[in-house]
Amino acid sequence: MGFTGFLLIMWLAAAAPDDGGTTAQQADGARRLMKAKCGRCHRLHEPAEYSTEEWKQWLDKMRKKVPLTPDQYDTLMSSHHSAPSAPATQTAPSR
């Protein structure tokens, strides 16, 4: 895991809400899932790089290439909901 991955895990752990939202354990699971499913083909993208709508669009597009169970999809969407707001439109993921 590189420095970016470490920062993501640390940020998600620190940002974990106390109201039943994403826990540090769930954030770690999301990171491992991203590494296993997404990192095989391209660099891992921080959820904060994209707006919620952009993140959903990319997940919907990528799940056609790499099958995700409904639980895995929900986990990856949750990883975005716990991330800070993203700047405006991003370009396609780079390899």
C-alpha atoms as a PDB file:
ATOM      1  CA  MET A   1       0.000   0.000   0.000  1.00  0.00           C
ATOM      2  CA  GLY A   2       1.393   3.352  -0.995  1.00  0.00           C
ATOM      3  CA  PHE A   3       1.282   6.672   0.738  1.00  0.00           C
ATOM      4  CA  THR A   4      -2.039   7.573  -0.933  1.00  0.00           C
ATOM      5  CA  GLY A   5      -3.619   4.368   0.356  1.00  0.00           C
ATOM      6  CA  PHE A   6      -2.315   5.053   3.830  1.00  0.00           C
ATOM      7  CA  LEU A   7      -3.741   8.571   3.729  1.00  0.00           C
ATOM      8  CA  LEU A   8      -7.121   7.285   2.555  1.00  0.00           C
ATOM      9  CA  ILE A   9      -7.321   4.749   5.350  1.00  0.00           C
ATOM     10  CA  MET A  10      -6.245   7.304   7.938  1.00  0.00           C
ATOM     11  CA  TRP A  11      -8.711   9.872   6.621  1.00  0.00           C
ATOM     12  CA  LEU A  12     -11.595   7.408   6.532  1.00  0.00           C
ATOM     13  CA  ALA A  13     -10.787   6.234  10.046  1.00  0.00           C
ATOM     14  CA  ALA A  14     -10.700   9.812  11.343  1.00  0.00           C
ATOM     15  CA  ALA A  15     -13.855  10.777   9.447  1.00  0.00           C
ATOM     16  CA  ALA A  16     -15.870   7.785  10.650  1.00  0.00           C
ATOM     17  CA  PRO A  17     -19.085   9.108  12.145  1.00  0.00           C
ATOM     18  CA  ASP A  18     -20.271   8.001  15.562  1.00  0.00           C
ATOM     19  CA  ASP A  19     -23.884   7.710  14.382  1.00  0.00           C
ATOM     20  CA  GLY A  20     -23.680   4.244  12.830  1.00  0.00           C
ATOM     21  CA  GLY A  21     -21.947   5.434   9.636  1.00  0.00           C
ATOM     22  CA  THR A  22     -18.703   4.095   8.195  1.00  0.00           C
ATOM     23  CA  THR A  23     -16.384   2.595  10.804  1.00  0.00           C
ATOM     24  CA  ALA A  24     -12.634   2.198  10.498  1.00  0.00           C
ATOM     25  CA  GLN A  25     -13.187  -1.526   9.894  1.00  0.00           C
ATOM     26  CA  GLN A  26     -15.653  -0.779   7.078  1.00  0.00           C
ATOM     27  CA  ALA A  27     -13.241   1.766   5.582  1.00  0.00           C
ATOM     28  CA  ASP A  28     -10.479  -0.841   5.621  1.00  0.00           C
ATOM     29  CA  GLY A  29     -12.808  -3.324   3.922  1.00  0.00           C
ATOM     30  CA  ALA A  30     -13.682  -0.765   1.260  1.00  0.00           C
ATOM     31  CA  ARG A  31      -9.995  -0.058   0.656  1.00  0.00           C
ATOM     32  CA  ARG A  32      -9.194  -3.778   0.304  1.00  0.00           C
ATOM     33  CA  LEU A  33     -12.129  -4.198  -2.063  1.00  0.00           C
ATOM     34  CA  MET A  34     -10.968  -1.261  -4.172  1.00  0.00           C
ATOM     35  CA  LYS A  35      -7.469  -2.691  -4.313  1.00  0.00           C
ATOM     36  CA  ALA A  36      -8.725  -6.159  -5.322  1.00  0.00           C
ATOM     37  CA  LYS A  37     -11.339  -5.062  -7.849  1.00  0.00           C
ATOM     38  CA  CYS A  38     -10.141  -1.700  -9.155  1.00  0.00           C
ATOM     39  CA  GLY A  39      -6.393  -1.751  -8.599  1.00  0.00           C
ATOM     40  CA  ARG A  40      -5.866  -4.684 -10.946  1.00  0.00           C
ATOM     41  CA  CYS A  41      -6.376  -2.409 -13.963  1.00  0.00           C
ATOM     42  CA  HIS A  42      -5.637   1.165 -12.905  1.00  0.00           C
ATOM     43  CA  ARG A  43      -4.427   3.304 -10.039  1.00  0.00           C
ATOM     44  CA  LEU A  44      -6.797   3.576  -7.123  1.00  0.00           C
ATOM     45  CA  HIS A  45      -8.850   6.742  -7.159  1.00  0.00           C
ATOM     46  CA  GLU A  46      -9.725   8.562  -3.993  1.00  0.00           C
ATOM     47  CA  PRO A  47     -13.490   8.800  -3.579  1.00  0.00           C
ATOM     48  CA  ALA A  48     -13.043  12.511  -2.815  1.00  0.00           C
ATOM     49  CA  GLU A  49     -11.803  13.067  -6.385  1.00  0.00           C
ATOM     50  CA  TYR A  50     -15.380  12.771  -7.645  1.00  0.00           C
ATOM     51  CA  SER A  51     -18.817  14.115  -6.842  1.00  0.00           C
ATOM     52  CA  THR A  52     -21.352  11.539  -5.663  1.00  0.00           C
ATOM     53  CA  GLU A  53     -22.936  11.443  -9.118  1.00  0.00           C
ATOM     54  CA  GLU A  54     -19.566  11.022 -10.875  1.00  0.00           C
ATOM     55  CA  TRP A  55     -18.533   8.279  -8.417  1.00  0.00           C
ATOM     56  CA  LYS A  56     -21.816   6.434  -9.082  1.00  0.00           C
ATOM     57  CA  GLN A  57     -21.389   6.805 -12.854  1.00  0.00           C
ATOM     58  CA  TRP A  58     -17.868   5.355 -12.703  1.00  0.00           C
ATOM     59  CA  LEU A  59     -18.927   2.498 -10.440  1.00  0.00           C
ATOM     60  CA  ASP A  60     -21.819   1.675 -12.774  1.00  0.00           C
ATOM     61  CA  LYS A  61     -19.472   1.717 -15.767  1.00  0.00           C
ATOM     62  CA  MET A  62     -16.701  -0.283 -14.096  1.00  0.00           C
ATOM     63  CA  ARG A  63     -19.012  -2.930 -12.628  1.00  0.00           C
ATOM     64  CA  LYS A  64     -19.736  -4.009 -16.217  1.00  0.00           C
ATOM     65  CA  LYS A  65     -16.044  -4.885 -16.567  1.00  0.00           C
ATOM     66  CA  VAL A  66     -15.455  -6.237 -13.060  1.00  0.00           C
ATOM     67  CA  PRO A  67     -18.533  -7.850 -11.549  1.00  0.00           C
ATOM     68  CA  LEU A  68     -19.527  -6.603  -8.113  1.00  0.00           C
ATOM     69  CA  THR A  69     -22.070  -8.143  -5.791  1.00  0.00           C
ATOM     70  CA  PRO A  70     -24.742  -5.756  -4.501  1.00  0.00           C
ATOM     71  CA  ASP A  71     -22.938  -5.679  -1.126  1.00  0.00           C
ATOM     72  CA  GLN A  72     -19.610  -4.831  -2.788  1.00  0.00           C
ATOM     73  CA  TYR A  73     -21.260  -2.050  -4.796  1.00  0.00           C
ATOM     74  CA  ASP A  74     -22.850  -0.653  -1.617  1.00  0.00           C
ATOM     75  CA  THR A  75     -19.481  -0.792   0.143  1.00  0.00           C
ATOM     76  CA  LEU A  76     -17.820   1.216  -2.615  1.00  0.00           C
ATOM     77  CA  MET A  77     -20.674   3.729  -2.690  1.00  0.00           C
ATOM     78  CA  SER A  78     -20.432   4.075   1.094  1.00  0.00           C
ATOM     79  CA  SER A  79     -16.735   4.829   0.764  1.00  0.00           C
ATOM     80  CA  HIS A  80     -17.709   7.855  -1.279  1.00  0.00           C
ATOM     81  CA  HIS A  81     -20.413   9.019   1.111  1.00  0.00           C
ATOM     82  CA  SER A  82     -17.843   9.201   3.891  1.00  0.00           C
ATOM     83  CA  ALA A  83     -15.395  11.194   1.747  1.00  0.00           C
ATOM     84  CA  PRO A  84     -15.268  15.006   1.662  1.00  0.00           C
ATOM     85  CA  SER A  85     -16.891  16.888  -1.206  1.00  0.00           C
ATOM     86  CA  ALA A  86     -15.185  16.594  -4.551  1.00  0.00           C
ATOM     87  CA  PRO A  87     -14.194  19.340  -6.932  1.00  0.00           C
ATOM     88  CA  ALA A  88     -16.080  19.688 -10.221  1.00  0.00           C
ATOM     89  CA  THR A  89     -15.863  17.133 -13.038  1.00  0.00           C
ATOM     90  CA  GLN A  90     -12.843  14.872 -13.310  1.00  0.00           C
ATOM     91  CA  THR A  91     -11.484  13.065 -16.330  1.00  0.00           C
ATOM     92  CA  ALA A  92     -11.504   9.348 -16.973  1.00  0.00           C
ATOM     93  CA  PRO A  93      -9.429   7.161 -14.659  1.00  0.00           C
ATOM     94  CA  SER A  94      -5.853   6.803 -15.865  1.00  0.00           C
ATOM     95  CA  ARG A  95      -4.153   3.452 -16.064  1.00  0.00           C
END
